[in-house]
Amino acid sequence: MGVVVKQKLYEQVPPGTHAARLHAVEDLGDQNTPYGQKDQVKLTYITSAKGANGEPLFVTEIYNKSLYGGRGKESKLRKHAAVMLRGAAVPLEIDLTTLIGTDVLLVIDHVMGKDGLRSWARIQAVLPASAPPPPPSTPPPAATSFTVAPPATNGPLPVAVPQGVTR
């Protein structure tokens, strides 16, 4: 009998804005990336989106362990930590585990893998939990038809005649 191996498919958080809470922080250590070795950390959020079984869905994001914030550029981790710190200045050093339990809004998008077969949920933005959700990414449908009321049939339309001009 053969040994069958198949790729496991995970249910994903649907695209859109979802209430979420930082659930876990995992230090990944040095990882090989297309840009060389990077010290990374994985943050896992539990979302308000429910799976087919009624359980909440999770979404994770991997960050470089950098709080860089100079010359008009900020690291993704610094931007997201600033939201979770509720407006307090981001310190030079922070224990990310102290942020576990912080409520936020996540703007989720789906990204297709290079193989064109797999997709995954990606965090586009982290917003304060009290922020209003961003507008939908697709505009509302345009009106395709409308009704014009027929003109009144009570006689001819009035014509404005300048003073001093006769018909």
Protein backbone atom coordinates (compact mmCIF):
# COMPACT_ATOMS: atom_id res chain seq x y z
CA MET A 1 0.00 0.00 0.00
CA GLY A 2 1.33 3.46 -0.93
CA VAL A 3 2.01 6.33 1.41
CA VAL A 4 -0.25 9.26 0.56
CA VAL A 5 0.79 12.77 1.53
CA LYS A 6 -1.34 15.79 0.78
CA GLN A 7 -1.02 19.46 1.48
CA LYS A 8 -3.11 20.61 4.40
CA LEU A 9 -5.36 23.57 3.66
CA TYR A 10 -6.14 25.98 6.47
CA GLU A 11 -9.24 28.11 6.67
CA GLN A 12 -8.26 31.75 6.26
CA VAL A 13 -9.52 34.98 7.72
CA PRO A 14 -11.57 36.59 4.90
CA PRO A 15 -10.38 39.90 3.41
CA GLY A 16 -11.66 43.01 5.17
CA THR A 17 -11.45 44.64 8.58
CA HIS A 18 -11.69 42.41 11.64
CA ALA A 19 -11.52 43.01 15.37
CA ALA A 20 -8.58 41.08 16.77
CA ARG A 21 -6.46 40.55 19.87
CA LEU A 22 -2.73 39.84 20.04
CA HIS A 23 -2.67 36.21 21.13
CA ALA A 24 0.95 35.02 21.03
CA VAL A 25 4.51 36.16 20.35
CA GLU A 26 7.14 33.70 19.12
CA ASP A 27 10.83 34.49 18.71
CA LEU A 28 11.92 32.82 15.45
CA GLY A 29 15.59 33.73 15.80
CA ASP A 30 17.75 34.14 12.70
CA GLN A 31 15.93 33.19 9.50
CA ASN A 32 17.14 32.99 5.92
CA THR A 33 15.31 35.57 3.79
CA PRO A 34 15.78 36.86 0.24
CA TYR A 35 17.64 39.75 1.92
CA GLY A 36 20.02 37.59 3.97
CA GLN A 37 19.85 36.48 7.60
CA LYS A 38 17.22 38.38 9.61
CA ASP A 39 16.31 38.08 13.28
CA GLN A 40 12.53 37.63 13.23
CA VAL A 41 9.49 37.34 15.47
CA LYS A 42 6.00 35.95 14.74
CA LEU A 43 2.89 37.63 16.18
CA THR A 44 -0.36 35.65 16.18
CA TYR A 45 -3.71 37.43 16.39
CA ILE A 46 -7.08 35.84 17.21
CA THR A 47 -9.80 37.48 15.12
CA SER A 48 -13.54 38.01 15.32
CA ALA A 49 -13.92 36.00 12.08
CA LYS A 50 -15.37 32.53 12.67
CA GLY A 51 -14.46 29.37 10.82
CA ALA A 52 -16.88 26.76 9.48
CA ASN A 53 -16.77 25.03 12.87
CA GLY A 54 -17.70 28.27 14.69
CA GLU A 55 -14.23 28.68 16.22
CA PRO A 56 -12.35 32.00 15.83
CA LEU A 57 -9.74 32.18 13.08
CA PHE A 58 -6.11 33.17 13.65
CA VAL A 59 -3.78 35.20 11.47
CA THR A 60 -0.02 35.49 11.90
CA GLU A 61 2.54 38.00 10.72
CA ILE A 62 6.31 37.65 10.70
CA TYR A 63 8.30 40.77 11.48
CA ASN A 64 11.98 41.60 11.43
CA LYS A 65 12.99 42.31 15.02
CA SER A 66 13.65 45.97 14.36
CA LEU A 67 12.18 49.13 15.82
CA TYR A 68 13.92 51.34 13.27
CA GLY A 69 12.25 54.70 12.91
CA GLY A 70 14.54 57.23 11.29
CA ARG A 71 14.81 59.36 8.15
CA GLY A 72 11.12 59.13 7.29
CA LYS A 73 10.99 55.33 7.36
CA GLU A 74 9.66 53.01 10.03
CA SER A 75 9.84 49.28 10.39
CA LYS A 76 6.55 47.40 10.14
CA LEU A 77 6.99 46.15 13.72
CA ARG A 78 7.46 49.72 14.99
CA LYS A 79 4.29 50.91 13.20
CA HIS A 80 2.20 48.04 14.57
CA ALA A 81 3.68 48.33 18.09
CA ALA A 82 2.87 52.07 18.11
CA VAL A 83 -0.80 51.24 17.52
CA MET A 84 -0.78 48.64 20.31
CA LEU A 85 0.88 51.13 22.69
CA ARG A 86 -2.14 53.42 22.21
CA GLY A 87 -0.23 56.55 21.25
CA ALA A 88 2.63 56.19 23.73
CA ALA A 89 6.09 56.66 22.25
CA VAL A 90 7.70 53.45 21.04
CA PRO A 91 10.69 52.83 23.32
CA LEU A 92 14.12 51.82 22.08
CA GLU A 93 13.51 48.37 23.59
CA ILE A 94 10.20 46.63 24.20
CA ASP A 95 9.13 43.23 25.51
CA LEU A 96 6.52 42.24 22.92
CA THR A 97 4.93 39.74 25.29
CA THR A 98 3.64 42.71 27.34
CA LEU A 99 1.40 43.55 24.36
CA ILE A 100 -0.38 40.18 24.43
CA GLY A 101 -4.10 40.80 24.96
CA THR A 102 -4.10 44.16 23.17
CA ASP A 103 -7.24 44.71 21.06
CA VAL A 104 -6.79 46.07 17.53
CA LEU A 105 -8.50 46.17 14.15
CA LEU A 106 -6.72 44.24 11.38
CA VAL A 107 -7.16 45.03 7.71
CA ILE A 108 -6.70 41.69 5.95
CA ASP A 109 -5.92 41.01 2.30
CA HIS A 110 -5.26 37.73 0.52
CA VAL A 111 -2.00 37.23 -1.38
CA MET A 112 -1.40 34.57 -4.03
CA GLY A 113 1.81 32.59 -3.77
CA LYS A 114 4.37 32.58 -6.56
CA ASP A 115 3.22 29.09 -7.54
CA GLY A 116 -0.27 30.46 -8.25
CA LEU A 117 -1.82 27.62 -6.25
CA ARG A 118 -1.78 28.81 -2.66
CA SER A 119 -2.93 32.02 -1.06
CA TRP A 120 -2.70 33.33 2.46
CA ALA A 121 -4.15 36.11 4.58
CA ARG A 122 -1.82 39.08 5.03
CA ILE A 123 -2.17 41.95 7.47
CA GLN A 124 -2.28 45.18 5.45
CA ALA A 125 -2.74 47.48 8.44
CA VAL A 126 -3.14 47.44 12.21
CA LEU A 127 -5.54 50.10 13.51
CA PRO A 128 -6.58 51.08 17.03
CA ALA A 129 -9.58 49.06 18.20
CA SER A 130 -11.60 52.27 18.64
CA ALA A 131 -10.92 53.48 15.07
CA PRO A 132 -13.77 53.40 12.58
CA PRO A 133 -13.29 50.72 9.93
CA PRO A 134 -11.81 51.93 6.64
CA PRO A 135 -14.12 52.30 3.66
CA PRO A 136 -14.64 49.21 1.52
CA SER A 137 -11.98 48.65 -1.13
CA THR A 138 -14.57 48.23 -3.86
CA PRO A 139 -16.77 51.21 -4.73
CA PRO A 140 -20.52 50.79 -4.51
CA PRO A 141 -22.16 49.82 -7.81
CA ALA A 142 -22.98 52.74 -10.05
CA ALA A 143 -26.59 53.41 -10.95
CA THR A 144 -27.28 51.77 -14.30
CA SER A 145 -30.74 53.17 -14.98
CA PHE A 146 -33.04 55.84 -13.69
CA THR A 147 -36.55 57.07 -14.40
CA VAL A 148 -37.31 60.57 -15.58
CA ALA A 149 -40.77 61.84 -14.81
CA PRO A 150 -42.69 62.89 -17.95
CA PRO A 151 -43.31 66.63 -18.35
CA ALA A 152 -46.55 68.03 -16.98
CA THR A 153 -49.38 68.10 -19.53
CA ASN A 154 -51.16 71.15 -18.12
CA GLY A 155 -50.29 73.31 -21.12
CA PRO A 156 -47.17 74.84 -22.63
CA LEU A 157 -44.11 75.39 -20.48
CA PRO A 158 -43.70 78.99 -19.28
CA VAL A 159 -41.26 81.06 -21.29
CA ALA A 160 -39.31 83.85 -19.68
CA VAL A 161 -39.64 86.99 -21.74
CA PRO A 162 -37.34 89.91 -21.01
CA GLN A 163 -39.09 93.12 -20.01
CA GLY A 164 -39.89 95.36 -22.95
CA VAL A 165 -39.92 92.54 -25.52
CA THR A 166 -43.25 91.57 -27.01
CA ARG A 167 -44.25 88.52 -28.92
